[in-house]
Protein backbone atom coordinates (compact mmCIF):
# COMPACT_ATOMS: atom_id res chain seq x y z
CA MET A 1 -25.21 11.03 -16.04
CA ASN A 2 -24.70 10.76 -12.51
CA MET A 3 -26.29 8.10 -12.40
CA ALA A 4 -24.30 6.11 -15.19
CA ALA A 5 -21.23 7.21 -13.32
CA ALA A 6 -22.29 5.57 -10.07
CA GLU A 7 -22.94 2.35 -11.97
CA GLN A 8 -19.39 2.56 -13.57
CA HIS A 9 -17.71 3.54 -10.48
CA ARG A 10 -19.63 0.34 -8.61
CA ALA A 11 -18.76 -2.29 -11.37
CA THR A 12 -15.01 -1.05 -11.20
CA MET A 13 -14.85 -1.91 -7.32
CA ASN A 14 -17.17 -4.61 -7.73
CA THR A 15 -19.18 -3.75 -4.75
CA ILE A 16 -19.87 -0.54 -2.70
CA PRO A 17 -19.92 -2.03 0.97
CA SER A 18 -22.29 -1.58 3.54
CA THR A 19 -21.30 0.46 6.63
CA TYR A 20 -21.10 -3.18 8.55
CA SER A 21 -18.74 -4.65 5.69
CA LEU A 22 -16.27 -1.56 6.07
CA ARG A 23 -16.23 -2.46 9.35
CA LYS A 24 -15.32 -6.12 8.78
CA MET A 25 -12.65 -5.07 6.33
CA THR A 26 -11.13 -2.19 8.81
CA TRP A 27 -10.84 -4.82 11.45
CA VAL A 28 -8.61 -7.08 9.05
CA VAL A 29 -6.60 -4.37 8.18
CA ALA A 30 -5.94 -3.01 11.54
CA LEU A 31 -5.15 -7.06 12.53
CA SER A 32 -2.70 -7.22 9.49
CA VAL A 33 -0.91 -4.07 10.74
CA ILE A 34 0.12 -4.73 14.20
CA LEU A 35 2.53 -7.22 12.63
CA ASN A 36 4.98 -5.02 11.57
CA PRO A 37 5.16 -2.42 14.56
CA LEU A 38 4.70 -5.86 16.97
CA ASN A 39 8.21 -6.98 15.38
CA SER A 40 9.83 -3.75 15.86
CA SER A 41 9.51 -3.32 19.41
CA MET A 42 8.81 -6.81 20.76
CA ILE A 43 12.76 -7.85 19.95
CA ALA A 44 13.60 -5.65 22.87
CA VAL A 45 13.09 -8.02 25.18
CA ALA A 46 14.72 -10.83 23.12
CA LEU A 47 18.07 -9.28 22.53
CA LEU A 48 19.85 -10.76 25.64
CA GLY A 49 18.78 -13.94 24.84
CA ILE A 50 19.54 -14.34 21.19
CA GLY A 51 23.00 -13.00 22.26
CA ALA A 52 23.80 -15.91 24.31
CA SER A 53 22.08 -18.01 21.69
CA TYR A 54 24.83 -17.05 19.05
CA GLY A 55 27.73 -16.02 21.55
CA ILE A 56 27.50 -12.19 20.44
CA ASP A 57 27.09 -8.71 22.52
CA VAL A 58 24.37 -6.34 22.53
CA ALA A 59 25.94 -4.24 20.18
CA THR A 60 26.06 -7.09 17.34
CA ALA A 61 22.73 -7.79 18.35
CA THR A 62 21.20 -4.55 17.73
CA TRP A 63 21.49 -5.23 14.10
CA LEU A 64 18.18 -7.22 13.86
CA ILE A 65 16.85 -3.94 14.93
CA THR A 66 18.44 -1.96 12.25
CA GLY A 67 18.52 -3.93 9.35
CA PHE A 68 14.15 -4.54 10.46
CA TYR A 69 14.06 -0.36 9.90
CA LEU A 70 16.01 -0.48 6.70
CA ALA A 71 14.11 -2.44 5.50
CA ALA A 72 10.68 -1.07 6.33
CA ALA A 73 11.90 2.57 5.47
CA ALA A 74 12.52 1.02 2.45
CA GLY A 75 9.29 -0.88 2.12
CA GLN A 76 6.85 1.03 2.80
CA PRO A 77 6.78 3.49 -0.23
CA LEU A 78 7.54 0.14 -2.25
CA MET A 79 4.67 -1.87 -1.05
CA GLY A 80 2.59 1.15 -1.76
CA LYS A 81 3.42 1.34 -5.40
CA LEU A 82 2.96 -2.31 -5.79
CA ALA A 83 -0.29 -2.45 -3.97
CA ASP A 84 -1.16 0.16 -6.68
CA LEU A 85 0.34 -1.60 -9.32
CA LEU A 86 -0.72 -5.24 -8.95
CA GLY A 87 -3.55 -4.98 -6.53
CA ALA A 88 -3.89 -4.18 -2.92
CA ARG A 89 -5.11 -7.51 -1.62
CA ARG A 90 -2.82 -9.44 -3.68
CA VAL A 91 -0.08 -7.70 -2.39
CA MET A 92 -1.15 -8.02 1.06
CA MET A 93 -1.22 -11.82 0.94
CA THR A 94 2.06 -12.13 -0.46
CA GLY A 95 3.22 -10.25 2.19
CA LEU A 96 1.52 -12.38 4.79
CA ALA A 97 3.03 -15.37 3.17
CA ILE A 98 6.48 -13.70 3.39
CA VAL A 99 5.84 -13.01 7.14
CA ILE A 100 4.78 -16.99 7.63
CA ALA A 101 8.10 -18.32 6.08
CA SER A 102 10.21 -15.49 7.30
CA SER A 103 9.00 -16.41 11.04
CA LEU A 104 9.31 -20.25 10.65
CA LEU A 105 13.12 -19.99 9.36
CA SER A 106 13.97 -17.35 11.93
CA VAL A 107 13.22 -20.06 15.04
CA TRP A 108 15.69 -22.38 13.35
CA ALA A 109 18.29 -19.83 11.78
CA PRO A 110 21.43 -22.00 12.16
CA SER A 111 23.45 -18.58 12.55
CA PHE A 112 23.24 -15.03 13.59
CA GLY A 113 23.69 -13.74 10.02
CA TRP A 114 21.06 -16.01 8.95
CA LEU A 115 18.53 -14.94 11.44
CA LEU A 116 19.39 -11.23 10.14
CA ALA A 117 18.31 -12.31 6.98
CA PHE A 118 15.06 -13.84 8.03
CA ARG A 119 14.40 -11.17 10.35
CA ILE A 120 14.91 -8.55 6.77
CA MET A 121 12.39 -11.12 5.65
CA LEU A 122 10.15 -10.15 7.78
CA ALA A 123 10.30 -6.85 7.99
CA LEU A 124 9.45 -6.47 3.81
CA GLY A 125 6.32 -8.66 4.57
CA SER A 126 5.13 -7.01 7.45
CA THR A 127 5.34 -3.59 6.04
CA VAL A 128 3.11 -4.60 3.03
CA ALA A 129 0.02 -4.32 5.50
CA PHE A 130 -0.20 -0.56 6.18
CA PRO A 131 0.49 0.46 2.35
CA ALA A 132 -1.67 -2.06 0.95
CA GLY A 133 -4.80 -2.24 3.63
CA MET A 134 -4.92 2.12 3.38
CA ALA A 135 -5.13 1.41 -0.30
CA ILE A 136 -8.06 -1.14 0.09
CA ILE A 137 -10.09 1.09 2.77
CA ARG A 138 -9.72 4.05 0.59
CA SER A 139 -10.90 2.37 -2.54
CA PHE A 140 -13.57 0.72 -1.32
CA ALA A 141 -14.84 3.83 1.28
CA GLN A 142 -14.98 6.13 -1.80
CA PRO A 143 -18.09 7.31 -2.32
CA ALA A 144 -19.51 6.70 -5.98
CA PRO A 145 -20.17 10.09 -7.69
CA GLY A 146 -23.63 11.60 -6.71
CA ASP A 147 -23.77 8.99 -3.70
CA GLY A 148 -22.73 11.72 -0.85
CA GLN A 149 -19.76 11.02 1.42
CA SER A 150 -18.48 7.48 2.77
CA LYS A 151 -19.60 6.45 6.06
CA GLY A 152 -17.58 4.97 8.53
CA ILE A 153 -14.25 6.24 6.74
CA THR A 154 -12.82 8.34 10.03
CA SER A 155 -13.17 5.61 12.13
CA SER A 156 -11.39 3.09 10.10
CA LEU A 157 -8.65 5.13 9.72
CA GLY A 158 -8.69 5.63 13.23
CA ILE A 159 -8.76 2.15 14.30
CA ILE A 160 -5.95 1.27 12.00
CA SER A 161 -3.68 4.08 13.31
CA VAL A 162 -4.12 2.95 17.12
CA SER A 163 -3.46 -0.42 16.00
CA ALA A 164 -0.02 0.42 14.68
CA ASN A 165 0.59 2.59 17.53
CA VAL A 166 -0.62 0.79 20.15
CA MET A 167 1.15 -2.56 19.43
CA ALA A 168 4.34 -0.91 19.10
CA ALA A 169 4.07 0.17 22.85
CA PHE A 170 2.69 -3.12 23.51
CA GLY A 171 5.60 -5.08 21.94
CA PRO A 172 8.31 -5.18 24.93
CA THR A 173 5.58 -6.55 27.35
CA LEU A 174 4.00 -9.32 25.01
CA GLY A 175 7.86 -9.99 24.18
CA GLY A 176 8.75 -10.19 27.89
CA LEU A 177 5.81 -12.76 28.35
CA LEU A 178 6.66 -14.31 25.82
CA VAL A 179 10.33 -14.94 26.03
CA GLN A 180 9.61 -15.40 30.28
CA HIS A 181 7.88 -18.74 29.48
CA SER A 182 9.01 -19.84 25.79
CA GLY A 183 12.11 -18.58 25.11
CA TRP A 184 13.16 -15.75 22.06
CA HIS A 185 12.14 -18.22 19.66
CA SER A 186 8.20 -17.76 20.24
CA ILE A 187 8.65 -13.94 19.49
CA PHE A 188 8.61 -15.46 15.88
CA TRP A 189 6.09 -18.10 16.57
CA ILE A 190 3.58 -15.40 17.71
CA ASN A 191 3.74 -13.84 14.25
CA ILE A 192 2.05 -17.30 12.41
CA PRO A 193 -1.34 -17.04 13.46
CA ILE A 194 -2.10 -13.50 13.38
CA ALA A 195 -0.78 -13.93 9.61
CA LEU A 196 -2.76 -17.01 9.09
CA ALA A 197 -6.09 -14.89 10.85
CA VAL A 198 -5.68 -12.27 8.86
CA ILE A 199 -4.98 -14.28 5.44
CA VAL A 200 -8.81 -16.37 6.61
CA LEU A 201 -10.21 -13.19 7.06
CA ALA A 202 -9.36 -11.36 4.21
CA SER A 203 -10.50 -14.23 1.85
CA ARG A 204 -13.86 -13.87 3.11
CA TRP A 205 -14.14 -10.62 4.07
CA MET A 206 -12.49 -8.80 1.40
CA PRO A 207 -13.57 -8.80 -2.57
CA ALA A 208 -10.84 -9.93 -4.87
CA ASP A 209 -8.67 -7.07 -6.63
CA HIS A 210 -10.11 -5.74 -9.96
CA ARG A 211 -7.72 -6.23 -12.77
CA ARG A 212 -5.33 -3.62 -12.43
CA THR A 213 -3.33 -3.80 -15.45
CA GLU A 214 -2.80 -4.96 -18.87
CA ARG A 215 -0.86 -7.55 -20.01
CA GLY A 216 3.35 -6.91 -20.21
CA GLN A 217 2.80 -3.45 -18.40
CA THR A 218 4.56 -4.62 -15.40
CA SER A 219 7.61 -4.79 -17.96
CA GLY A 220 8.12 -1.53 -16.50
CA LEU A 221 8.01 -2.10 -12.87
CA LEU A 222 11.83 -1.29 -11.70
CA ARG A 223 11.10 1.98 -13.27
CA LEU A 224 7.67 2.56 -11.51
CA LEU A 225 9.50 1.56 -8.37
CA ASP A 226 12.70 3.71 -8.57
CA VAL A 227 15.24 1.40 -7.50
CA PRO A 228 18.12 3.77 -7.90
CA GLY A 229 16.33 6.32 -5.76
CA VAL A 230 15.92 3.34 -3.22
CA LEU A 231 19.62 2.12 -3.15
CA LEU A 232 20.72 6.09 -2.59
CA PHE A 233 18.49 6.87 0.22
CA MET A 234 19.57 3.48 1.73
CA GLY A 235 23.24 4.27 1.12
CA MET A 236 22.80 7.89 2.98
CA LEU A 237 21.06 5.91 5.55
CA ILE A 238 23.35 3.45 6.46
CA SER A 239 26.84 5.78 6.16
CA PHE A 240 24.96 8.16 8.67
CA MET A 241 24.32 5.20 10.69
CA LEU A 242 27.50 3.38 10.12
CA PHE A 243 29.26 7.14 11.26
CA LEU A 244 27.20 7.40 14.39
CA THR A 245 27.95 4.43 15.97
CA SER A 246 31.37 4.23 15.08
CA LEU A 247 31.78 7.27 17.41
CA GLY A 248 32.19 4.97 20.04
CA SER A 249 34.90 2.87 19.12
CA GLY A 250 36.40 5.04 16.49
CA ALA A 251 35.31 7.38 14.04
CA ILE A 252 35.06 6.32 10.57
CA TRP A 253 35.37 9.99 9.32
CA TRP A 254 35.57 8.92 5.40
CA LEU A 255 32.02 8.23 5.83
CA LEU A 256 31.26 11.75 6.16
CA ALA A 257 32.49 12.34 2.31
CA VAL A 258 30.24 9.29 1.49
CA ILE A 259 27.01 11.05 2.85
CA PRO A 260 26.78 14.14 1.29
CA VAL A 261 27.54 12.19 -1.83
CA CYS A 262 24.61 9.90 -1.65
CA ALA A 263 22.51 12.97 -0.53
CA VAL A 264 23.19 14.98 -3.68
CA LEU A 265 22.66 12.13 -6.11
CA PHE A 266 19.60 11.05 -4.24
CA GLY A 267 18.11 14.70 -4.73
CA LEU A 268 19.42 14.98 -8.05
CA ARG A 269 17.76 11.49 -9.14
CA GLU A 270 14.45 12.11 -7.30
CA LEU A 271 13.94 15.68 -9.27
CA ARG A 272 14.51 14.13 -12.11
CA THR A 273 12.19 10.49 -12.27
CA ASP A 274 8.10 11.31 -12.87
CA LYS A 275 7.81 8.15 -10.38
CA PRO A 276 10.16 9.55 -7.78
CA PHE A 277 10.76 6.91 -3.90
CA ILE A 278 10.26 10.26 -2.41
CA ASP A 279 8.59 12.93 -3.56
CA LEU A 280 11.02 15.97 -3.00
CA ARG A 281 9.11 18.60 -4.50
CA MET A 282 6.20 17.86 -2.43
CA LEU A 283 8.19 18.41 0.47
CA GLY A 284 9.98 21.33 -1.06
CA ARG A 285 6.52 23.05 -1.10
CA ASN A 286 5.16 22.81 2.08
CA LYS A 287 7.30 23.60 5.16
CA LYS A 288 4.54 22.67 7.71
CA LEU A 289 4.67 19.22 6.24
CA GLN A 290 8.57 19.33 6.70
CA SER A 291 7.90 19.85 10.30
CA VAL A 292 5.49 17.13 10.98
CA TYR A 293 7.92 14.66 9.15
CA ALA A 294 10.83 15.80 11.29
CA GLN A 295 8.90 16.27 14.51
CA PHE A 296 7.85 12.04 13.92
CA ALA A 297 11.47 11.36 13.00
CA GLY A 298 12.60 12.74 16.35
CA LEU A 299 9.55 11.51 18.17
CA ASN A 300 10.52 8.20 17.33
CA ILE A 301 14.02 7.92 18.16
CA VAL A 302 13.19 8.88 21.37
CA PHE A 303 10.78 5.91 21.67
CA TYR A 304 12.45 3.06 19.88
CA SER A 305 15.51 4.05 21.93
CA LEU A 306 13.28 3.99 24.92
CA PHE A 307 11.70 0.52 23.99
CA PHE A 308 15.01 -0.90 23.44
CA SER A 309 17.35 0.35 26.11
CA MET A 310 14.92 0.30 29.04
CA PRO A 311 14.18 -3.44 29.00
CA LEU A 312 17.98 -4.21 28.42
CA TRP A 313 18.74 -2.05 31.38
CA LEU A 314 15.90 -3.72 33.75
CA GLY A 315 17.46 -7.05 32.74
CA GLN A 316 21.19 -6.70 32.45
CA VAL A 317 21.75 -4.01 35.64
CA LYS A 318 18.44 -4.00 37.72
CA GLY A 319 18.53 -8.17 37.43
CA TYR A 320 14.48 -8.24 36.39
CA ASP A 321 13.57 -11.31 34.09
CA PRO A 322 11.80 -10.59 30.55
CA GLN A 323 8.62 -10.81 31.85
CA THR A 324 9.39 -8.02 35.15
CA ALA A 325 11.00 -6.11 32.46
CA GLY A 326 8.31 -6.34 30.14
CA LEU A 327 5.85 -5.33 32.79
CA LEU A 328 7.20 -2.38 34.01
CA MET A 329 7.62 -1.00 30.64
CA LEU A 330 3.48 -1.16 30.01
CA PRO A 331 2.96 2.07 30.86
CA PHE A 332 3.94 3.02 27.84
CA ALA A 333 1.76 1.31 26.01
CA GLY A 334 -1.48 1.41 28.73
CA ILE A 335 -1.32 5.47 29.47
CA GLY A 336 -0.53 6.04 25.40
CA MET A 337 -4.00 4.41 25.25
CA LEU A 338 -5.52 6.62 27.88
CA ALA A 339 -3.93 9.67 26.51
CA THR A 340 -5.28 8.55 22.78
CA PRO A 341 -8.90 9.65 23.58
CA ILE A 342 -7.61 12.96 25.44
CA ALA A 343 -5.81 13.72 22.66
CA VAL A 344 -9.15 13.85 20.44
CA ARG A 345 -10.92 15.91 22.22
CA ILE A 346 -8.49 17.95 22.48
CA ILE A 347 -8.13 18.19 18.66
CA GLN A 348 -11.54 18.32 18.09
CA ARG A 349 -12.62 21.17 20.50
CA TRP A 350 -9.33 23.27 19.68
CA SER A 351 -6.89 21.95 17.42
CA TYR A 352 -3.90 19.44 17.05
CA ARG A 353 -1.21 22.17 18.53
CA PRO A 354 -2.11 21.83 21.86
CA ALA A 355 -1.79 17.76 22.03
CA ILE A 356 1.22 18.06 20.31
CA ILE A 357 2.82 20.87 23.25
CA ALA A 358 1.21 18.44 25.99
CA GLY A 359 2.65 14.91 24.78
CA SER A 360 6.24 17.14 23.83
CA SER A 361 6.48 18.52 27.57
CA ALA A 362 5.46 15.00 28.53
CA LEU A 363 8.60 13.77 26.99
CA LEU A 364 10.76 16.54 28.06
CA LEU A 365 9.74 15.80 31.91
CA GLY A 366 10.07 12.19 31.65
CA THR A 367 13.08 11.79 29.82
CA LEU A 368 14.73 14.28 32.70
CA LEU A 369 13.62 11.95 35.23
CA LEU A 370 15.42 8.82 33.42
CA LEU A 371 18.25 10.74 34.23
CA LEU A 372 17.82 10.18 37.78
CA MET A 373 17.79 6.55 37.69
CA GLY A 374 19.86 3.84 39.24
CA GLU A 375 20.43 0.87 40.22
CA ASP A 376 18.47 1.17 43.44
CA THR A 377 15.68 3.21 42.08
CA PRO A 378 12.52 2.15 43.17
CA ILE A 379 10.18 0.73 40.91
CA PHE A 380 7.52 3.15 41.49
CA PHE A 381 9.85 5.97 40.78
CA ILE A 382 10.36 3.70 37.02
CA LEU A 383 6.69 3.60 36.55
CA LEU A 384 5.80 7.29 37.05
CA ALA A 385 8.83 8.03 34.49
CA THR A 386 7.91 5.67 32.07
CA SER A 387 4.27 6.41 32.59
CA ILE A 388 5.07 10.37 31.98
CA VAL A 389 6.79 9.26 28.39
CA GLY A 390 3.61 7.61 27.65
CA ILE A 391 1.68 10.25 27.74
CA THR A 392 3.39 11.17 24.48
CA ASN A 393 2.66 7.88 22.52
CA GLY A 394 -0.91 9.19 22.54
CA MET A 395 -0.70 12.83 22.30
CA ASN A 396 1.99 13.49 19.68
CA ASN A 397 0.76 10.35 17.24
CA MET A 398 -2.70 11.68 17.02
CA GLY A 399 -1.32 15.36 16.68
CA LEU A 400 0.98 14.87 14.03
CA GLN A 401 -1.35 12.74 12.13
CA THR A 402 -3.87 15.11 12.37
CA ALA A 403 -1.52 17.70 11.22
CA LEU A 404 -0.25 15.17 8.28
CA TYR A 405 -3.78 15.43 6.99
CA GLN A 406 -4.51 19.10 7.49
CA HIS A 407 -1.39 20.21 6.02
CA THR A 408 -1.49 17.66 2.79
CA LYS A 409 -3.46 17.98 -0.30
CA PRO A 410 -6.45 15.19 -1.00
CA SER A 411 -4.60 14.47 -4.16
CA GLU A 412 -1.39 13.88 -2.21
CA THR A 413 -2.81 12.22 0.69
CA GLY A 414 -1.47 8.34 -0.18
CA ALA A 415 2.23 9.63 -1.03
CA ALA A 416 2.41 11.78 2.29
CA SER A 417 0.75 8.71 4.65
CA GLY A 418 3.66 6.40 2.87
CA LEU A 419 6.72 8.85 3.22
CA PHE A 420 5.02 9.24 7.04
CA GLN A 421 5.69 5.74 8.36
CA THR A 422 8.82 6.06 6.28
CA PHE A 423 10.42 8.42 8.90
CA ARG A 424 8.85 6.27 11.65
CA SER A 425 11.38 3.80 10.54
CA VAL A 426 14.05 7.10 9.93
CA GLY A 427 13.76 7.50 13.72
CA GLY A 428 13.86 3.73 14.12
CA ILE A 429 17.42 3.10 12.41
CA LEU A 430 18.42 6.51 14.02
CA SER A 431 17.43 5.22 17.63
CA THR A 432 20.07 1.81 16.97
CA SER A 433 22.90 4.03 16.15
CA LEU A 434 22.09 6.06 19.68
CA LEU A 435 22.06 2.44 21.05
CA GLY A 436 25.19 1.44 20.03
CA ILE A 437 26.88 4.60 20.90
CA ALA A 438 25.54 4.66 24.72
CA PHE A 439 25.89 0.96 25.29
CA GLY A 440 28.64 -0.82 22.98
CA SER A 441 29.12 -4.22 24.23
CA THR A 442 28.13 -3.51 27.79
CA VAL A 443 25.01 -2.62 29.29
CA THR A 444 25.25 0.56 32.18
CA THR A 445 23.45 3.14 34.29
CA ALA A 446 25.80 5.58 32.19
CA GLY A 447 24.54 4.69 29.02
CA LEU A 448 20.99 4.68 29.61
CA HIS A 449 21.66 8.25 31.26
CA THR A 450 23.50 8.73 27.94
CA ILE A 451 20.48 7.91 25.84
CA ALA A 452 17.81 9.91 28.04
CA LEU A 453 19.92 12.93 27.86
CA ALA A 454 19.69 13.02 23.99
CA GLY A 455 15.96 12.19 24.74
CA ALA A 456 15.61 15.39 26.85
CA CYS A 457 17.40 17.22 24.10
CA ILE A 458 14.92 16.05 21.20
CA GLY A 459 12.12 16.71 23.51
CA ALA A 460 12.99 20.32 23.88
CA VAL A 461 13.19 20.83 20.12
CA LEU A 462 9.87 18.91 19.69
CA LEU A 463 8.50 21.55 22.24
CA PHE A 464 10.02 24.17 20.11
CA PHE A 465 8.71 23.09 17.19
CA SER A 466 5.15 22.69 18.99
CA LEU A 467 5.00 26.30 20.43
CA SER A 468 6.08 27.40 16.94
CA ARG A 469 3.25 28.94 14.51
CA LYS A 470 5.12 28.99 11.64
CA LEU A 471 6.43 25.41 12.20
CA ASN A 472 3.38 23.94 13.01
């Protein structure tokens, strides 16, 4: 009986790869998932050049960030559902094709409006990689009945996670090098060889999708994707973001009425549909999971605010070129990489809580140091502050991801992981609102201090969450 079940499982999966073949698939997925975080943060050092090319101010240029995150926030769960319905490799390949097309179109965008549209396309294409890649790894690493535990799955998930997190931190540094030597268009050109490499490697190392659906079963695609839920979720986020941004120039108070209406309608929709965009029931019965998401969103508000504000301030106030500004951001990534294996050891020896406490403490200290920044601040002090904040990148990302898996039922891991990435995008969206409030049309030291103060407040809240056993 067990042998028959195992044979049936192997037939369904086409083949159960060896550890070596699983490793190859892991590296393909790891290469594909860098596209979204890389493009989300690399744009930071290109905003001034893009603004000069199209004759727009910084506040307008930041819509390239906002639009990207709005598309990513909706795209992560949607693309996960499409991967399950149509086949993960097929959906991943389609996403990579969209990345190539949108990158080419962005290079020749005739106006800022077109550039924004093409960057939203880029966000949707690149956001496919994480849910589709995780589906591929989960599918082929799953053991057949009676075969025991699969080998290599833990290291696979770790490699993919580190690839995504580290590339987000390296974005400003890589972007600075590209912009300095080849102009802002180069941040779009770089996507093309990466996407082509993934397509070639995936074609060789990933088996074709087995047939997921019968003909005619895709007719209910819109229902499965919960389009009304997505639209209400986007309406709520956009209204909240526009209200926050308007505080700097004249608050749009009527948006305060739109936000709760969208929130109530969204809640009613998600509770009544059997295929919700966001599973509110899963969230409602798991307070510690709610805490993980809240902490991850807060963490990303601070991180992306600094990713975007620091290169602008270094370029416009301190007068550094894009390459130097990018190099000064390197501690965000480098220290984060060094902190990651330390976080792993802490988690293995004790638990995820000490790692999160250490990271939140570093975030609070680092943002307080940023309040001391000024036009005459020496380079070593800038590096010190960014290095301390960089500790958080390694500690909290690993700690919160571990907490996510510990507080999630195995049957809900896929949905919970997709929602985890959505809260990363929500944090990115809110960071652009903070950027608009702090800088407006002019980058100033006072604006950087506003962002640092907001970051310190969030850091204090995260430290409180990490110290509370009821919330962690």
